[in-house]
Structures are given as C-alpha cells and as structure tokens.
Amino acid sequence: MLGTSVTGRALLDGLCYGGWRVARDLSGREVQALAEMFGDSMSAGPLLASVGLPRRNQPTWSGLSAEEFWWEVSRLLTAGAVRDGRRRLFE
C-alpha cells in the first residue's frame, strides 16, 4: 500500500506526479483491443475473474456491445473494484 502521503494519494487518485500521469482507467485503444480479443462473456468473464473481479461483480452483457462492456470494466477499475486492476489486467 502506498500509504496516505501526498505522493501515495496522487498515485492512488491517478493524478499527475513529477509530470507523469498515472493511469487508472483504460484508454480507448485498450478498450478496442480488449473488445476484439475478449468480445463475449465466455472469454471476458474468466479473464476478469483471474484478476480479481468475480463474475457476480462484472458488468452484464445484456444490451451492451463489447466496447461498451469494456468501458464499464474501465469504470469499475477506476473506481477501485480491483486493487491494481488495470496493471493486473495487462500482466
């Protein structure tokens, strides 16, 4: 844990530190790539479960395109649903 120092808080909040932005959300390109590679619940569900987002907490696919689904995942990761979720997703 980074603690509650100013540096740690900036990193946790995804703010700028030393001129570098610490990303917590997914970029548009990342969302597009994930939507292409994991474009349905059968492929995306196990991936998300493997990084710590249980199926019961995953967005529903009902009425969503693959990109919309991954934007919802991005929102959850930004909100802290999985500790270090973005990093863990790309490890």
C-alpha atoms as a PDB file:
ATOM      1  CA  MET A   1       0.000   0.000   0.000  1.00  0.00           C
ATOM      2  CA  LEU A   2       1.257   3.425  -0.882  1.00  0.00           C
ATOM      3  CA  GLY A   3       0.005   4.965   2.316  1.00  0.00           C
ATOM      4  CA  THR A   4      -1.558   8.366   2.682  1.00  0.00           C
ATOM      5  CA  SER A   5       1.402  10.548   1.770  1.00  0.00           C
ATOM      6  CA  VAL A   6       0.898  13.205  -0.874  1.00  0.00           C
ATOM      7  CA  THR A   7       2.792  11.051  -3.352  1.00  0.00           C
ATOM      8  CA  GLY A   8       0.793   7.944  -2.466  1.00  0.00           C
ATOM      9  CA  ARG A   9      -2.501   9.825  -2.638  1.00  0.00           C
ATOM     10  CA  ALA A  10      -1.613  11.253  -6.081  1.00  0.00           C
ATOM     11  CA  LEU A  11      -0.770   7.793  -7.353  1.00  0.00           C
ATOM     12  CA  LEU A  12      -3.914   6.276  -5.906  1.00  0.00           C
ATOM     13  CA  ASP A  13      -6.060   9.014  -7.398  1.00  0.00           C
ATOM     14  CA  GLY A  14      -4.451   8.654 -10.824  1.00  0.00           C
ATOM     15  CA  LEU A  15      -3.179  12.204 -10.782  1.00  0.00           C
ATOM     16  CA  CYS A  16      -0.009  13.709 -12.156  1.00  0.00           C
ATOM     17  CA  TYR A  17       3.211  13.253 -10.251  1.00  0.00           C
ATOM     18  CA  GLY A  18       6.513  14.619 -11.464  1.00  0.00           C
ATOM     19  CA  GLY A  19       4.941  15.373 -14.838  1.00  0.00           C
ATOM     20  CA  TRP A  20       3.707  11.795 -15.344  1.00  0.00           C
ATOM     21  CA  ARG A  21       0.046  10.801 -15.299  1.00  0.00           C
ATOM     22  CA  VAL A  22      -0.615   7.573 -13.503  1.00  0.00           C
ATOM     23  CA  ALA A  23      -3.407   5.909 -15.461  1.00  0.00           C
ATOM     24  CA  ARG A  24      -6.099   4.044 -13.588  1.00  0.00           C
ATOM     25  CA  ASP A  25      -8.628   3.778 -16.386  1.00  0.00           C
ATOM     26  CA  LEU A  26      -8.370   2.048 -19.739  1.00  0.00           C
ATOM     27  CA  SER A  27      -7.522   4.053 -22.841  1.00  0.00           C
ATOM     28  CA  GLY A  28      -9.694   3.979 -25.943  1.00  0.00           C
ATOM     29  CA  ARG A  29      -7.140   1.795 -27.715  1.00  0.00           C
ATOM     30  CA  GLU A  30      -7.022  -0.616 -24.801  1.00  0.00           C
ATOM     31  CA  VAL A  31     -10.818  -0.868 -24.756  1.00  0.00           C
ATOM     32  CA  GLN A  32     -10.881  -1.538 -28.504  1.00  0.00           C
ATOM     33  CA  ALA A  33      -8.184  -4.210 -28.225  1.00  0.00           C
ATOM     34  CA  LEU A  34      -9.911  -5.933 -25.297  1.00  0.00           C
ATOM     35  CA  ALA A  35     -13.233  -5.811 -27.144  1.00  0.00           C
ATOM     36  CA  GLU A  36     -11.633  -7.503 -30.150  1.00  0.00           C
ATOM     37  CA  MET A  37      -9.753 -10.151 -28.158  1.00  0.00           C
ATOM     38  CA  PHE A  38     -12.373 -10.763 -25.444  1.00  0.00           C
ATOM     39  CA  GLY A  39     -15.616  -9.858 -27.198  1.00  0.00           C
ATOM     40  CA  ASP A  40     -18.046 -12.073 -25.299  1.00  0.00           C
ATOM     41  CA  SER A  41     -18.824 -13.224 -21.775  1.00  0.00           C
ATOM     42  CA  MET A  42     -17.240 -16.645 -22.322  1.00  0.00           C
ATOM     43  CA  SER A  43     -13.821 -15.087 -22.931  1.00  0.00           C
ATOM     44  CA  ALA A  44     -14.009 -11.879 -20.868  1.00  0.00           C
ATOM     45  CA  GLY A  45     -15.521 -13.433 -17.732  1.00  0.00           C
ATOM     46  CA  PRO A  46     -12.650 -15.789 -16.897  1.00  0.00           C
ATOM     47  CA  LEU A  47     -10.080 -13.072 -17.667  1.00  0.00           C
ATOM     48  CA  LEU A  48     -11.701 -10.641 -15.270  1.00  0.00           C
ATOM     49  CA  ALA A  49     -12.133 -13.318 -12.606  1.00  0.00           C
ATOM     50  CA  SER A  50      -8.419 -14.123 -12.896  1.00  0.00           C
ATOM     51  CA  VAL A  51      -7.501 -10.521 -12.000  1.00  0.00           C
ATOM     52  CA  GLY A  52      -9.823 -10.436  -9.004  1.00  0.00           C
ATOM     53  CA  LEU A  53     -13.192  -9.266 -10.352  1.00  0.00           C
ATOM     54  CA  PRO A  54     -15.647 -12.071  -9.554  1.00  0.00           C
ATOM     55  CA  ARG A  55     -18.374 -12.803 -12.089  1.00  0.00           C
ATOM     56  CA  ARG A  56     -21.040 -11.507  -9.710  1.00  0.00           C
ATOM     57  CA  ASN A  57     -19.370  -8.054  -9.814  1.00  0.00           C
ATOM     58  CA  GLN A  58     -18.754  -7.959 -13.562  1.00  0.00           C
ATOM     59  CA  PRO A  59     -20.928  -5.837 -15.826  1.00  0.00           C
ATOM     60  CA  THR A  60     -23.742  -7.642 -17.577  1.00  0.00           C
ATOM     61  CA  TRP A  61     -23.547  -8.178 -21.327  1.00  0.00           C
ATOM     62  CA  SER A  62     -27.287  -7.617 -21.711  1.00  0.00           C
ATOM     63  CA  GLY A  63     -27.742  -4.907 -24.325  1.00  0.00           C
ATOM     64  CA  LEU A  64     -24.072  -3.896 -24.412  1.00  0.00           C
ATOM     65  CA  SER A  65     -21.619  -4.101 -27.258  1.00  0.00           C
ATOM     66  CA  ALA A  66     -18.173  -5.490 -26.486  1.00  0.00           C
ATOM     67  CA  GLU A  67     -16.725  -1.956 -26.350  1.00  0.00           C
ATOM     68  CA  GLU A  68     -19.488  -0.760 -24.024  1.00  0.00           C
ATOM     69  CA  PHE A  69     -18.820  -3.735 -21.783  1.00  0.00           C
ATOM     70  CA  TRP A  70     -15.106  -2.886 -21.581  1.00  0.00           C
ATOM     71  CA  TRP A  71     -15.870   0.786 -20.875  1.00  0.00           C
ATOM     72  CA  GLU A  72     -17.946  -0.435 -17.931  1.00  0.00           C
ATOM     73  CA  VAL A  73     -14.999  -2.570 -16.806  1.00  0.00           C
ATOM     74  CA  SER A  74     -12.787   0.526 -17.085  1.00  0.00           C
ATOM     75  CA  ARG A  75     -15.216   2.439 -14.876  1.00  0.00           C
ATOM     76  CA  LEU A  76     -15.099  -0.323 -12.279  1.00  0.00           C
ATOM     77  CA  LEU A  77     -11.310  -0.453 -12.332  1.00  0.00           C
ATOM     78  CA  THR A  78     -11.085   3.331 -11.984  1.00  0.00           C
ATOM     79  CA  ALA A  79     -13.448   3.128  -9.010  1.00  0.00           C
ATOM     80  CA  GLY A  80     -11.126   0.611  -7.344  1.00  0.00           C
ATOM     81  CA  ALA A  81     -13.190  -2.552  -7.755  1.00  0.00           C
ATOM     82  CA  VAL A  82      -9.911  -4.469  -8.075  1.00  0.00           C
ATOM     83  CA  ARG A  83      -6.727  -3.335  -6.397  1.00  0.00           C
ATOM     84  CA  ASP A  84      -4.202  -2.583  -9.151  1.00  0.00           C
ATOM     85  CA  GLY A  85      -6.833  -3.839 -11.573  1.00  0.00           C
ATOM     86  CA  ARG A  86      -5.529  -2.132 -14.687  1.00  0.00           C
ATOM     87  CA  ARG A  87      -1.992  -3.338 -14.059  1.00  0.00           C
ATOM     88  CA  ARG A  88      -3.174  -6.860 -13.270  1.00  0.00           C
ATOM     89  CA  LEU A  89      -5.276  -6.959 -16.421  1.00  0.00           C
ATOM     90  CA  PHE A  90      -2.209  -6.407 -18.587  1.00  0.00           C
ATOM     91  CA  GLU A  91       0.301  -8.582 -16.738  1.00  0.00           C
END
